[in-house]
C-alpha cells in the first residue's frame, strides 16, 4: 500500500469515527434529557457540526486561509456543543487528527491541548464524584495520539526525502550513463574513421604521389595507380555512408561472411596478402565480425605504411570456444609498439580497445628485421555475444 493509500485509509477511519461519536453523543443526550429546552439547539448545532465536517475534505489538507477558517468554525461549534452537552466531548478525538493534519506541529499541539482541557472539563461535569482517571486519561490519550501522528508524519517525510534522493540519484546515474555512452560512441566512431576513412585517404595520397612521380616516365603505371586510388575512394565513400547510417561494414553487407571479407583485403601495391582459414567456421555476432575486420584493416594499413613488407598473411582460426585472427608480415619489424603520432590516429591502441570491448586480447610479437605478428583472440561465450545470439 502506498503512502497516499495509507493516508486515505486513515482519513476514512477518522471520518467514520467522528460521525459515529457525533451520532452516539446526540442519541445519549436525547435519551438522558427528554423534553429538555436545549434539545433544538443541540440538534441544530449537531447538524451544523456534521455539515461543516463534511465540507472539510473539499478544502484539502494544506493550511490555506479557507482551511484555517473552516477548522476554526468546526472547533467553535464543537466547543459550544460541549458547553451545552458534555457528552459531545469525545468527538474531540477525530478533531485531534484534523488539527494535526491541518496545522504546523506546534500550533496543532496547542490546539490539541485546548481541546483536551474541554474534554477533561466535560468529563468532570458528567461525573457525579471526583475520578482521577477522568483527569489523567484524556491528556494521556491526546498525548499518545499526537506523538504517534507526529512520528508517522516525520517517517513519511523521511521516506519522501529518501525517494526524492533516489529519484535524483537515478537521474544523475542516467545522465552519467548517457555521457559515458556518448564518449564511448565518440571513441568508436574515431576508431572507425581511423581504420577506414583515414587509411583510405592515406592510401589514395600514396598512390596519387606515386602516379605523379611516374606520370611522364611510365604513364601506364601512373594510370594504374590512379585507377587503384579511384577504387579506394569508392570504398571510402561507401564507408562514409555506412558511418552516417551506422550500418555494418560494406565488406560484410549482403550476407558476406568474415572469411570472404578478409580474403578481399589488400595492403596496397608491392605487398602480397594471403588468407588462410583454419577450423570449422561458426556464425559470429556482428560486433565480432566487424571488430576483427577493422583490426585486420588497421593491421594491414600499418603493414603498408610502416613495415615495408613484401608479403603478409591473414589466418582466421575457429578454435571452438574462441576465434583467433593472426596478421603476420615479413617487414622490418620493431622493438616496441610505436606511439601513434598526431596524424596516425589510434593504431595499436585502437585495435587493443576493440578486442578488449569484446572480452578478447591482442598481442604483438616483433623484432627488428624479423617482421611482425599481430594476434587477436575473441572468446565465443562472453555475455555480450550470448545476448546478441538470443532471440
Protein backbone atom coordinates (compact mmCIF):
# COMPACT_ATOMS: atom_id res chain seq x y z
CA UNK A 1 0.00 0.00 0.00
CA UNK A 2 1.38 3.39 -0.99
CA UNK A 3 1.67 6.39 1.33
CA UNK A 4 -1.30 8.11 -0.34
CA UNK A 5 -3.45 4.99 0.07
CA UNK A 6 -2.48 4.71 3.76
CA UNK A 7 -3.36 8.39 4.28
CA UNK A 8 -6.76 7.94 2.63
CA UNK A 9 -7.47 4.81 4.71
CA UNK A 10 -6.61 6.62 7.96
CA UNK A 11 -8.76 9.60 6.97
CA UNK A 12 -11.70 7.29 6.22
CA UNK A 13 -11.36 5.66 9.65
CA UNK A 14 -11.23 9.05 11.41
CA UNK A 15 -14.22 10.42 9.48
CA UNK A 16 -16.25 7.31 10.28
CA UNK A 17 -15.27 7.53 13.96
CA UNK A 18 -16.28 11.20 14.10
CA UNK A 19 -19.78 10.61 12.74
CA UNK A 20 -20.27 7.55 14.97
CA UNK A 21 -19.23 9.55 18.06
CA UNK A 22 -21.37 12.52 17.00
CA UNK A 23 -24.41 10.29 16.46
CA UNK A 24 -23.84 8.41 19.73
CA UNK A 25 -23.45 11.68 21.66
CA UNK A 26 -26.67 13.10 20.20
CA UNK A 27 -28.52 9.86 20.91
CA UNK A 28 -27.21 9.85 24.51
CA UNK A 29 -28.35 13.45 25.06
CA UNK A 30 -31.83 12.77 23.70
CA UNK A 31 -32.07 9.59 25.78
CA UNK A 32 -30.88 11.21 29.01
CA UNK A 33 -32.67 14.58 28.61
CA UNK A 34 -36.10 14.03 27.06
CA UNK A 35 -38.05 17.26 26.59
CA UNK A 36 -35.03 19.42 27.53
CA UNK A 37 -35.44 23.01 26.21
CA UNK A 38 -31.87 22.84 24.86
CA UNK A 39 -32.76 19.98 22.52
CA UNK A 40 -33.48 22.12 19.39
CA UNK A 41 -30.17 23.93 19.84
CA UNK A 42 -28.32 20.69 20.38
CA UNK A 43 -29.83 19.12 17.25
CA UNK A 44 -29.13 22.26 15.17
CA UNK A 45 -25.55 22.50 16.40
CA UNK A 46 -25.02 18.77 15.84
CA UNK A 47 -26.26 19.02 12.24
CA UNK A 48 -24.15 22.14 11.70
CA UNK A 49 -21.06 20.39 13.02
CA UNK A 50 -21.74 17.39 10.76
CA UNK A 51 -22.23 19.65 7.72
CA UNK A 52 -19.05 21.59 8.45
CA UNK A 53 -17.10 18.37 8.88
CA UNK A 54 -18.38 17.05 5.54
CA UNK A 55 -17.13 20.22 3.81
CA UNK A 56 -13.60 19.72 5.18
CA UNK A 57 -12.17 17.25 2.62
CA UNK A 58 -13.22 19.55 -0.24
CA UNK A 59 -10.87 22.24 1.13
CA UNK A 60 -7.80 20.00 1.04
CA UNK A 61 -5.24 19.32 3.76
CA UNK A 62 -2.95 22.31 3.11
CA UNK A 63 -3.12 25.09 5.77
CA UNK A 64 -4.77 27.67 3.50
CA UNK A 65 -6.84 30.57 4.86
CA UNK A 66 -10.12 28.84 3.95
CA UNK A 67 -8.95 25.64 5.61
CA UNK A 68 -7.98 27.53 8.79
CA UNK A 69 -11.33 29.36 8.88
CA UNK A 70 -13.13 26.05 8.43
CA UNK A 71 -11.16 24.47 11.28
CA UNK A 72 -11.98 27.47 13.49
CA UNK A 73 -15.71 27.08 12.78
CA UNK A 74 -15.62 23.34 13.48
CA UNK A 75 -13.78 23.82 16.81
CA UNK A 76 -16.06 26.69 17.85
CA UNK A 77 -19.21 24.69 17.08
CA UNK A 78 -17.85 21.72 18.98
CA UNK A 79 -16.93 23.88 22.00
CA UNK A 80 -20.48 25.31 22.15
CA UNK A 81 -21.90 21.79 21.90
CA UNK A 82 -19.64 20.57 24.73
CA UNK A 83 -20.66 23.51 26.93
CA UNK A 84 -24.35 22.74 26.33
CA UNK A 85 -23.97 18.94 26.34
CA UNK A 86 -20.74 17.49 27.80
CA UNK A 87 -21.46 14.10 26.21
CA UNK A 88 -20.14 15.50 22.87
CA UNK A 89 -16.64 15.74 24.37
CA UNK A 90 -15.29 12.52 22.83
CA UNK A 91 -15.85 13.89 19.32
CA UNK A 92 -12.55 15.66 20.04
CA UNK A 93 -10.51 12.53 19.20
CA UNK A 94 -11.12 12.74 15.42
CA UNK A 95 -10.68 16.52 15.72
CA UNK A 96 -7.18 15.87 17.11
CA UNK A 97 -6.35 14.17 13.81
CA UNK A 98 -7.86 17.03 11.80
CA UNK A 99 -5.85 19.62 13.73
CA UNK A 100 -2.61 17.67 13.40
CA UNK A 101 -3.15 17.32 9.63
CA UNK A 102 -4.03 20.97 9.08
CA UNK A 103 -1.73 22.98 11.36
CA UNK A 104 2.04 23.11 11.87
CA UNK A 105 3.21 20.83 14.71
CA UNK A 106 3.44 23.50 17.45
CA UNK A 107 0.10 25.10 16.60
CA UNK A 108 -1.52 21.66 16.32
CA UNK A 109 -0.21 20.60 19.74
CA UNK A 110 -1.53 23.83 21.27
CA UNK A 111 -4.98 23.23 19.75
CA UNK A 112 -4.95 19.58 20.89
CA UNK A 113 -4.13 20.75 24.42
CA UNK A 114 -7.04 23.22 24.34
CA UNK A 115 -9.44 20.54 23.11
CA UNK A 116 -8.17 18.21 25.85
CA UNK A 117 -8.97 20.83 28.51
CA UNK A 118 -12.57 20.95 27.30
CA UNK A 119 -12.74 17.15 27.26
CA UNK A 120 -11.49 16.95 30.87
CA UNK A 121 -13.91 19.66 31.99
CA UNK A 122 -16.82 17.92 30.25
CA UNK A 123 -15.98 14.52 31.77
CA UNK A 124 -15.64 16.03 35.23
CA UNK A 125 -19.02 17.70 34.79
CA UNK A 126 -20.63 14.41 33.78
CA UNK A 127 -19.10 12.55 36.72
CA UNK A 128 -21.05 12.59 39.98
CA UNK A 129 -17.86 12.35 42.03
CA UNK A 130 -14.19 13.10 41.55
CA UNK A 131 -12.42 10.46 39.49
CA UNK A 132 -8.65 10.87 38.94
CA UNK A 133 -8.87 8.77 35.76
CA UNK A 134 -11.03 11.44 34.17
CA UNK A 135 -8.30 13.95 34.93
CA UNK A 136 -5.43 11.81 33.57
CA UNK A 137 -6.94 9.66 30.79
CA UNK A 138 -7.89 12.39 28.26
CA UNK A 139 -4.45 14.11 28.34
CA UNK A 140 -2.77 10.70 28.05
CA UNK A 141 -4.93 9.76 25.04
CA UNK A 142 -4.26 13.14 23.44
CA UNK A 143 -0.51 12.89 24.07
CA UNK A 144 -0.30 9.38 22.61
CA UNK A 145 -2.37 10.33 19.57
CA UNK A 146 -0.29 13.45 18.91
CA UNK A 147 3.03 11.65 19.43
CA UNK A 148 2.07 8.76 17.13
CA UNK A 149 0.79 11.08 14.43
CA UNK A 150 3.85 13.37 14.52
CA UNK A 151 6.17 10.35 14.46
CA UNK A 152 4.33 8.91 11.46
CA UNK A 153 4.49 12.27 9.67
CA UNK A 154 8.24 12.51 10.27
CA UNK A 155 8.73 8.96 9.00
CA UNK A 156 6.63 9.75 5.94
CA UNK A 157 8.66 12.92 5.32
CA UNK A 158 11.89 10.95 5.69
CA UNK A 159 10.59 8.40 3.19
CA UNK A 160 9.61 11.16 0.78
CA UNK A 161 13.05 12.71 1.11
CA UNK A 162 14.68 9.33 0.55
CA UNK A 163 12.54 8.69 -2.52
CA UNK A 164 13.39 12.13 -3.89
CA UNK A 165 17.10 11.43 -3.28
CA UNK A 166 16.79 8.07 -5.02
CA UNK A 167 15.00 9.61 -7.98
CA UNK A 168 17.61 12.37 -8.20
CA UNK A 169 20.42 9.81 -7.93
CA UNK A 170 18.81 7.68 -10.63
CA UNK A 171 18.55 10.70 -12.89
CA UNK A 172 22.19 11.58 -12.23
CA UNK A 173 23.23 7.99 -12.97
CA UNK A 174 21.18 8.03 -16.16
CA UNK A 175 22.83 11.30 -17.18
CA UNK A 176 26.26 9.84 -16.37
CA UNK A 177 25.49 6.72 -18.40
CA UNK A 178 24.36 8.88 -21.30
CA UNK A 179 27.59 10.87 -21.10
CA UNK A 180 29.65 7.69 -20.92
CA UNK A 181 27.69 6.25 -23.82
CA UNK A 182 28.32 9.41 -25.82
CA UNK A 183 32.05 9.25 -25.06
CA UNK A 184 32.16 5.54 -25.94
CA UNK A 185 30.32 6.24 -29.19
CA UNK A 186 32.73 9.03 -30.00
CA UNK A 187 35.65 6.72 -29.36
CA UNK A 188 34.06 4.04 -31.52
CA UNK A 189 33.47 6.48 -34.36
CA UNK A 190 37.01 7.84 -34.08
CA UNK A 191 38.36 4.31 -34.33
CA UNK A 192 36.04 3.59 -37.25
CA UNK A 193 37.25 6.71 -39.05
CA UNK A 194 40.89 5.89 -38.32
CA UNK A 195 40.60 2.31 -39.53
CA UNK A 196 38.60 3.14 -42.65
CA UNK A 197 38.43 6.69 -43.99
CA UNK A 198 41.82 7.81 -42.71
CA UNK A 199 43.51 4.70 -44.08
CA UNK A 200 41.74 5.05 -47.42
CA UNK A 201 42.77 8.69 -47.70
CA UNK A 202 46.35 7.77 -46.78
CA UNK A 203 46.40 5.07 -49.45
CA UNK A 204 44.98 7.45 -52.03
CA UNK A 205 47.64 10.00 -51.16
CA UNK A 206 50.43 7.45 -51.58
CA UNK A 207 49.02 6.21 -54.90
CA UNK A 208 48.49 9.68 -56.30
CA UNK A 209 52.01 10.70 -55.25
CA UNK A 210 53.37 7.59 -56.96
CA UNK A 211 51.31 8.39 -60.07
CA UNK A 212 52.65 11.94 -60.09
CA UNK A 213 56.26 10.70 -59.95
CA UNK A 214 55.79 8.24 -62.84
CA UNK A 215 53.32 10.22 -64.95
CA UNK A 216 55.93 11.36 -67.51
CA UNK A 217 58.22 8.32 -67.48
CA UNK A 218 55.66 5.49 -67.14
CA UNK A 219 52.13 6.70 -67.98
CA UNK A 220 50.67 3.19 -67.85
CA UNK A 221 51.81 2.61 -64.28
CA UNK A 222 50.66 6.10 -63.31
CA UNK A 223 47.20 5.45 -64.71
CA UNK A 224 47.07 2.12 -62.85
CA UNK A 225 47.85 3.95 -59.62
CA UNK A 226 45.08 6.45 -60.36
CA UNK A 227 42.58 3.67 -61.04
CA UNK A 228 43.56 1.95 -57.80
CA UNK A 229 43.15 5.23 -55.95
CA UNK A 230 39.74 5.61 -57.58
CA UNK A 231 38.70 2.22 -56.28
CA UNK A 232 39.90 3.08 -52.78
CA UNK A 233 37.99 6.36 -52.98
CA UNK A 234 34.82 4.41 -53.86
CA UNK A 235 35.31 2.15 -50.84
CA UNK A 236 35.92 5.21 -48.69
CA UNK A 237 32.68 6.74 -49.91
CA UNK A 238 30.84 3.53 -49.00
CA UNK A 239 32.45 3.63 -45.56
CA UNK A 240 31.40 7.25 -45.08
CA UNK A 241 27.82 6.38 -45.98
CA UNK A 242 27.91 3.44 -43.59
CA UNK A 243 29.16 5.64 -40.77
CA UNK A 244 26.36 8.10 -41.44
CA UNK A 245 23.71 5.38 -41.39
CA UNK A 246 25.51 3.28 -38.75
CA UNK A 247 25.32 0.19 -40.92
CA UNK A 248 27.55 -2.85 -40.92
CA UNK A 249 30.87 -2.64 -42.80
CA UNK A 250 30.20 -2.79 -46.55
CA UNK A 251 32.56 -5.78 -46.82
CA UNK A 252 30.09 -7.70 -44.59
CA UNK A 253 26.91 -6.38 -46.24
CA UNK A 254 24.70 -8.57 -48.37
CA UNK A 255 25.31 -11.68 -46.26
CA UNK A 256 29.05 -11.84 -46.95
CA UNK A 257 30.91 -13.67 -44.20
CA UNK A 258 34.06 -12.64 -42.39
CA UNK A 259 36.31 -15.08 -44.29
CA UNK A 260 35.25 -13.61 -47.64
CA UNK A 261 35.72 -10.07 -46.34
CA UNK A 262 39.22 -10.88 -45.04
CA UNK A 263 40.12 -12.64 -48.26
CA UNK A 264 39.35 -9.48 -50.23
CA UNK A 265 41.69 -7.25 -48.21
CA UNK A 266 44.98 -5.95 -49.56
CA UNK A 267 47.95 -3.94 -48.29
CA UNK A 268 48.49 -1.80 -51.35
CA UNK A 269 50.93 -2.14 -54.28
CA UNK A 270 54.06 -4.15 -53.64
CA UNK A 271 52.65 -6.31 -50.82
CA UNK A 272 51.11 -9.72 -51.41
CA UNK A 273 48.39 -10.70 -48.94
CA UNK A 274 47.37 -14.34 -48.45
CA UNK A 275 44.41 -15.58 -46.43
CA UNK A 276 44.12 -18.89 -44.54
CA UNK A 277 41.09 -20.38 -42.82
CA UNK A 278 41.52 -22.98 -40.11
CA UNK A 279 38.85 -24.91 -38.27
CA UNK A 280 35.12 -25.14 -38.94
CA UNK A 281 33.53 -21.70 -39.31
CA UNK A 282 30.64 -20.90 -36.98
CA UNK A 283 28.25 -17.92 -37.09
CA UNK A 284 29.79 -14.92 -35.38
CA UNK A 285 27.97 -11.95 -33.84
CA UNK A 286 28.02 -8.84 -35.99
CA UNK A 287 30.13 -6.97 -33.46
CA UNK A 288 32.81 -9.67 -33.51
CA UNK A 289 32.91 -9.80 -37.30
CA UNK A 290 33.09 -6.03 -37.55
CA UNK A 291 35.82 -5.78 -34.91
CA UNK A 292 38.00 -8.47 -36.48
CA UNK A 293 37.62 -6.92 -39.91
CA UNK A 294 38.54 -3.47 -38.59
CA UNK A 295 41.55 -4.88 -36.75
CA UNK A 296 42.70 -6.62 -39.94
CA UNK A 297 42.27 -3.40 -41.94
CA UNK A 298 44.21 -1.41 -39.35
CA UNK A 299 46.98 -4.01 -39.20
CA UNK A 300 47.35 -4.09 -42.99
CA UNK A 301 47.41 -0.28 -43.02
CA UNK A 302 50.35 -0.45 -40.59
CA UNK A 303 51.99 -3.04 -42.83
CA UNK A 304 51.60 -0.74 -45.81
CA UNK A 305 52.78 2.43 -44.09
CA UNK A 306 55.45 1.24 -41.64
CA UNK A 307 56.79 -2.24 -42.35
CA UNK A 308 58.00 -2.22 -45.95
CA UNK A 309 56.86 -5.84 -46.15
CA UNK A 310 56.63 -7.76 -49.41
CA UNK A 311 54.17 -10.34 -48.07
CA UNK A 312 51.54 -10.56 -45.34
CA UNK A 313 49.34 -13.43 -44.19
CA UNK A 314 45.92 -13.39 -42.57
CA UNK A 315 44.91 -16.50 -40.65
CA UNK A 316 41.40 -16.87 -39.23
CA UNK A 317 41.12 -19.81 -36.81
CA UNK A 318 37.95 -21.19 -35.23
CA UNK A 319 39.06 -22.99 -32.06
CA UNK A 320 35.74 -23.99 -30.56
CA UNK A 321 35.50 -21.57 -27.65
CA UNK A 322 37.25 -18.69 -29.37
CA UNK A 323 38.10 -17.22 -32.74
CA UNK A 324 41.65 -16.07 -33.43
CA UNK A 325 42.91 -13.77 -36.15
CA UNK A 326 46.66 -13.61 -36.88
CA UNK A 327 48.23 -11.00 -39.17
CA UNK A 328 51.90 -11.69 -39.98
CA UNK A 329 54.28 -9.79 -42.27
CA UNK A 330 57.93 -10.08 -43.32
CA UNK A 331 58.68 -6.40 -42.86
CA UNK A 332 61.36 -4.59 -40.91
CA UNK A 333 59.71 -5.15 -37.53
CA UNK A 334 60.37 -3.05 -34.43
CA UNK A 335 61.50 -3.36 -30.86
CA UNK A 336 58.33 -1.98 -29.23
CA UNK A 337 54.97 -0.71 -30.41
CA UNK A 338 55.25 2.73 -31.94
CA UNK A 339 53.50 5.61 -30.30
CA UNK A 340 50.94 7.00 -32.70
CA UNK A 341 51.81 10.44 -33.99
CA UNK A 342 49.35 13.26 -34.47
CA UNK A 343 48.41 12.07 -37.94
CA UNK A 344 48.44 8.36 -37.20
CA UNK A 345 45.26 8.19 -35.12
CA UNK A 346 44.90 5.31 -32.69
CA UNK A 347 46.85 2.44 -34.35
CA UNK A 348 47.56 -0.46 -32.00
CA UNK A 349 45.69 1.09 -29.02
CA UNK A 350 42.54 1.22 -31.16
CA UNK A 351 42.90 -2.44 -32.10
CA UNK A 352 43.50 -3.42 -28.50
CA UNK A 353 40.44 -1.41 -27.40
CA UNK A 354 38.26 -3.23 -29.95
CA UNK A 355 39.43 -6.60 -28.66
CA UNK A 356 39.02 -5.63 -25.02
CA UNK A 357 35.44 -4.42 -25.58
CA UNK A 358 34.55 -7.96 -26.67
CA UNK A 359 36.39 -9.63 -23.81
CA UNK A 360 39.33 -10.58 -26.04
CA UNK A 361 43.07 -9.97 -26.08
CA UNK A 362 45.54 -8.59 -28.61
CA UNK A 363 49.24 -9.46 -28.64
CA UNK A 364 52.07 -8.20 -30.83
CA UNK A 365 55.34 -10.04 -31.43
CA UNK A 366 58.06 -8.30 -33.39
CA UNK A 367 61.81 -7.87 -33.65
CA UNK A 368 63.97 -5.69 -35.92
CA UNK A 369 64.42 -7.38 -39.29
CA UNK A 370 62.16 -10.34 -38.41
CA UNK A 371 58.71 -9.00 -39.25
CA UNK A 372 55.68 -8.67 -37.04
CA UNK A 373 52.89 -10.99 -35.90
CA UNK A 374 49.70 -9.49 -34.52
CA UNK A 375 47.24 -11.90 -32.91
CA UNK A 376 43.75 -11.16 -31.60
CA UNK A 377 41.64 -13.76 -29.75
CA UNK A 378 37.93 -13.24 -29.08
CA UNK A 379 36.03 -15.69 -26.85
CA UNK A 380 32.76 -17.04 -28.26
CA UNK A 381 30.91 -17.36 -24.94
CA UNK A 382 31.01 -13.82 -23.49
CA UNK A 383 27.81 -12.34 -22.03
CA UNK A 384 27.74 -9.77 -24.83
CA UNK A 385 27.78 -12.41 -27.51
CA UNK A 386 25.23 -14.58 -25.78
CA UNK A 387 22.92 -11.59 -25.63
CA UNK A 388 23.38 -10.93 -29.32
CA UNK A 389 22.56 -14.53 -30.20
CA UNK A 390 19.48 -14.60 -28.00
CA UNK A 391 16.14 -14.10 -29.80
